[in-house]
C-alpha cells in the first residue's frame, strides 16, 4: 500500500524494540523538514508533496510508537497478510477451552439476567469470568515482548528462522485480538446489567 517501510523513512533499524526517544527525535527532525508551513510560498506541487510527506510522517510515527501496530507493520513489510484479515468466527486453537467455558458462563448469566437475577451477583460472576481472560491476555503481552526481542536478536539469522518468529508473532496478535473481543463481550454484558 502507500505505507512502504516506515523504519526506512525515519532512518531507523527495523526492530520491534525501538529506542522511543530516538523515534521522537527523528519525528521532530523530519517534521521540521516536511511541515507544510515551510512551503507556504512554494509551487502548488511542492506544497502538495510537503503535505503528503508530513501526513506520511505522522502515520509512520503513530504506527511505530505503538508496540502492537509496530509488529503489524513489520509483518506487512515482511509480506504477511494483515492480522485483521483473519477475524471472523474461527476461534484460535489455543483459546478453544477458554472460549467454550466463557460462552457457557455468559449463556448462564444471560438466562439469569432475563429471569430477574440479582445484578450485583451477576456482575460479580462476569468479573470472575473475566479474570482468566485477563490473565491470558497478560501472558500474550509477555509473549509478544519476548518474541519481539527474539526477532530483533535474529538480525543475521537465516530468513526461515526469522519468518518462524514472525509467524508466531502473527498468531499471538490474532489470539490477542480474539481475547480483546472476549473482554469487550464481557463489558457489554456488564453494561446490560446496568440498563
Protein backbone atom coordinates (compact mmCIF):
# COMPACT_ATOMS: atom_id res chain seq x y z
CA UNK A 1 0.00 0.00 0.00
CA UNK A 2 1.01 3.59 0.42
CA UNK A 3 2.79 2.81 3.63
CA UNK A 4 6.08 1.29 2.46
CA UNK A 5 8.66 0.86 5.19
CA UNK A 6 8.25 3.40 7.98
CA UNK A 7 11.56 2.35 9.54
CA UNK A 8 13.50 3.26 6.39
CA UNK A 9 11.57 6.51 6.02
CA UNK A 10 12.54 7.53 9.56
CA UNK A 11 16.11 6.23 9.19
CA UNK A 12 15.63 3.65 11.95
CA UNK A 13 16.61 -0.01 12.09
CA UNK A 14 13.70 -2.40 11.50
CA UNK A 15 13.40 -3.56 15.10
CA UNK A 16 10.40 -4.34 17.25
CA UNK A 17 12.01 -2.96 20.39
CA UNK A 18 12.65 0.63 19.37
CA UNK A 19 14.54 3.38 21.10
CA UNK A 20 11.49 5.63 21.64
CA UNK A 21 13.50 8.80 22.35
CA UNK A 22 15.32 8.25 19.04
CA UNK A 23 11.96 7.75 17.27
CA UNK A 24 10.73 11.00 18.81
CA UNK A 25 13.88 12.85 17.77
CA UNK A 26 13.67 11.60 14.17
CA UNK A 27 9.99 12.55 14.05
CA UNK A 28 10.72 16.08 15.28
CA UNK A 29 13.64 16.48 12.87
CA UNK A 30 11.62 15.34 9.85
CA UNK A 31 8.59 17.35 10.95
CA UNK A 32 10.67 20.50 10.64
CA UNK A 33 11.73 19.47 7.13
CA UNK A 34 8.33 18.46 5.80
CA UNK A 35 5.85 20.69 7.57
CA UNK A 36 3.55 22.44 5.05
CA UNK A 37 4.04 25.81 6.78
CA UNK A 38 7.59 25.89 5.43
CA UNK A 39 6.24 25.56 1.89
CA UNK A 40 3.74 28.40 2.02
CA UNK A 41 5.34 30.27 -0.88
CA UNK A 42 6.31 27.16 -2.84
CA UNK A 43 4.65 25.94 -6.01
CA UNK A 44 1.36 24.03 -5.67
CA UNK A 45 3.09 20.73 -6.46
CA UNK A 46 5.75 21.37 -3.78
CA UNK A 47 3.04 22.27 -1.24
CA UNK A 48 1.16 19.08 -2.07
CA UNK A 49 4.34 16.99 -1.77
CA UNK A 50 5.06 18.60 1.59
CA UNK A 51 1.55 17.85 2.80
CA UNK A 52 1.84 14.22 1.65
CA UNK A 53 5.26 13.75 3.29
CA UNK A 54 4.03 15.34 6.50
CA UNK A 55 0.97 13.08 6.53
CA UNK A 56 3.14 10.03 5.82
CA UNK A 57 5.49 11.05 8.63
CA UNK A 58 2.57 11.30 11.07
CA UNK A 59 1.33 7.85 10.00
CA UNK A 60 4.82 6.40 10.44
CA UNK A 61 5.28 7.94 13.88
CA UNK A 62 1.84 6.86 15.09
CA UNK A 63 2.45 3.30 13.88
CA UNK A 64 5.96 2.85 15.23
CA UNK A 65 5.41 4.32 18.68
CA UNK A 66 2.79 1.63 19.48
CA UNK A 67 4.31 -1.85 20.03
CA UNK A 68 1.34 -3.74 18.55
CA UNK A 69 0.98 -1.58 15.44
CA UNK A 70 4.78 -1.76 15.08
CA UNK A 71 4.55 -5.57 14.96
CA UNK A 72 1.69 -5.35 12.46
CA UNK A 73 3.79 -3.02 10.31
CA UNK A 74 6.80 -5.35 10.34
CA UNK A 75 4.52 -8.23 9.41
CA UNK A 76 3.16 -6.21 6.48
CA UNK A 77 6.62 -5.17 5.32
CA UNK A 78 7.75 -8.80 5.54
CA UNK A 79 4.83 -9.88 3.34
CA UNK A 80 2.32 -11.25 5.84
CA UNK A 81 -1.41 -10.71 5.39
CA UNK A 82 -2.94 -8.18 7.79
CA UNK A 83 -3.91 -9.66 11.14
CA UNK A 84 -7.40 -8.22 10.67
CA UNK A 85 -7.91 -10.44 7.61
CA UNK A 86 -8.28 -13.50 9.88
CA UNK A 87 -11.05 -12.03 12.03
CA UNK A 88 -14.28 -13.85 12.00
CA UNK A 89 -15.86 -16.75 13.77
CA UNK A 90 -12.81 -19.00 13.79
CA UNK A 91 -11.54 -19.44 17.33
CA UNK A 92 -7.75 -19.73 17.54
CA UNK A 93 -6.99 -23.30 18.69
CA UNK A 94 -5.00 -22.10 21.73
CA UNK A 95 -8.13 -20.38 23.07
CA UNK A 96 -10.78 -23.06 22.48
CA UNK A 97 -11.08 -24.09 26.12
CA UNK A 98 -11.35 -20.54 27.45
CA UNK A 99 -13.89 -19.57 24.79
CA UNK A 100 -16.03 -22.64 25.45
CA UNK A 101 -16.07 -22.02 29.22
CA UNK A 102 -16.75 -18.32 28.83
CA UNK A 103 -19.61 -18.87 26.38
CA UNK A 104 -21.23 -21.34 28.76
CA UNK A 105 -20.92 -18.88 31.64
CA UNK A 106 -22.24 -15.98 29.54
CA UNK A 107 -25.26 -18.03 28.42
CA UNK A 108 -25.99 -18.91 32.04
CA UNK A 109 -25.61 -15.27 33.15
CA UNK A 110 -27.88 -14.03 30.33
CA UNK A 111 -30.54 -16.54 31.33
CA UNK A 112 -30.26 -15.47 34.97
CA UNK A 113 -30.46 -11.78 33.98
CA UNK A 114 -33.57 -12.40 31.86
CA UNK A 115 -35.11 -14.30 34.79
CA UNK A 116 -34.57 -11.25 37.03
CA UNK A 117 -31.38 -12.37 38.78
CA UNK A 118 -29.58 -10.08 41.21
CA UNK A 119 -27.48 -7.65 39.10
CA UNK A 120 -24.75 -7.36 41.75
CA UNK A 121 -24.32 -11.14 41.88
CA UNK A 122 -24.36 -11.41 38.07
CA UNK A 123 -21.79 -8.60 37.81
CA UNK A 124 -19.54 -10.49 40.24
CA UNK A 125 -19.87 -13.62 38.08
CA UNK A 126 -18.96 -11.63 34.96
CA UNK A 127 -15.93 -10.12 36.66
CA UNK A 128 -14.86 -13.59 37.82
CA UNK A 129 -15.30 -14.89 34.25
CA UNK A 130 -13.09 -12.07 33.00
CA UNK A 131 -10.16 -12.88 35.31
CA UNK A 132 -8.79 -15.86 33.34
CA UNK A 133 -9.19 -13.93 30.09
CA UNK A 134 -7.25 -11.01 31.58
CA UNK A 135 -4.51 -13.41 32.75
CA UNK A 136 -4.34 -14.98 29.30
CA UNK A 137 -4.10 -11.53 27.70
CA UNK A 138 -1.28 -10.54 30.08
CA UNK A 139 0.56 -13.74 29.11
CA UNK A 140 0.09 -12.82 25.45
CA UNK A 141 1.55 -9.36 26.06
CA UNK A 142 4.59 -11.03 27.65
CA UNK A 143 4.84 -13.45 24.70
CA UNK A 144 4.72 -10.54 22.26
CA UNK A 145 7.55 -8.78 24.10
CA UNK A 146 9.68 -11.95 24.19
CA UNK A 147 9.05 -12.79 20.53
CA UNK A 148 9.80 -9.19 19.57
CA UNK A 149 13.15 -9.34 21.36
CA UNK A 150 13.85 -12.71 19.72
CA UNK A 151 13.12 -11.31 16.25
CA UNK A 152 15.37 -8.33 16.90
CA UNK A 153 18.18 -10.64 18.06
CA UNK A 154 17.98 -12.64 14.82
CA UNK A 155 19.17 -9.87 12.53
CA UNK A 156 21.76 -12.16 10.95
CA UNK A 157 19.75 -15.39 11.24
CA UNK A 158 18.55 -17.25 8.16
CA UNK A 159 15.33 -15.89 6.68
CA UNK A 160 13.34 -19.04 7.52
CA UNK A 161 14.19 -18.68 11.24
CA UNK A 162 13.13 -15.03 11.26
CA UNK A 163 9.97 -15.94 9.36
CA UNK A 164 9.06 -18.54 12.01
CA UNK A 165 9.29 -15.88 14.70
CA UNK A 166 7.11 -13.55 12.63
CA UNK A 167 4.55 -16.34 12.18
CA UNK A 168 4.48 -16.81 15.96
CA UNK A 169 4.07 -13.06 16.44
CA UNK A 170 1.20 -13.01 13.96
CA UNK A 171 -0.52 -15.91 15.73
CA UNK A 172 -0.16 -14.15 19.10
CA UNK A 173 -1.70 -10.99 17.61
CA UNK A 174 -4.64 -12.99 16.25
CA UNK A 175 -5.16 -14.54 19.68
CA UNK A 176 -4.74 -11.13 21.34
CA UNK A 177 -7.45 -9.67 19.10
CA UNK A 178 -9.75 -12.55 19.97
CA UNK A 179 -9.09 -12.06 23.68
CA UNK A 180 -9.86 -8.36 23.31
CA UNK A 181 -13.16 -9.30 21.67
CA UNK A 182 -13.97 -11.63 24.58
CA UNK A 183 -13.25 -8.85 27.06
CA UNK A 184 -15.46 -6.48 25.06
CA UNK A 185 -18.26 -9.08 25.17
CA UNK A 186 -17.98 -9.29 28.95
CA UNK A 187 -18.03 -5.49 29.21
CA UNK A 188 -21.20 -5.38 27.07
CA UNK A 189 -22.82 -7.90 29.41
CA UNK A 190 -21.83 -5.81 32.43
CA UNK A 191 -23.30 -2.74 30.72
CA UNK A 192 -26.52 -4.66 30.03
CA UNK A 193 -26.87 -5.31 33.76
CA UNK A 194 -26.96 -1.58 34.40
CA UNK A 195 -29.64 -0.99 31.77
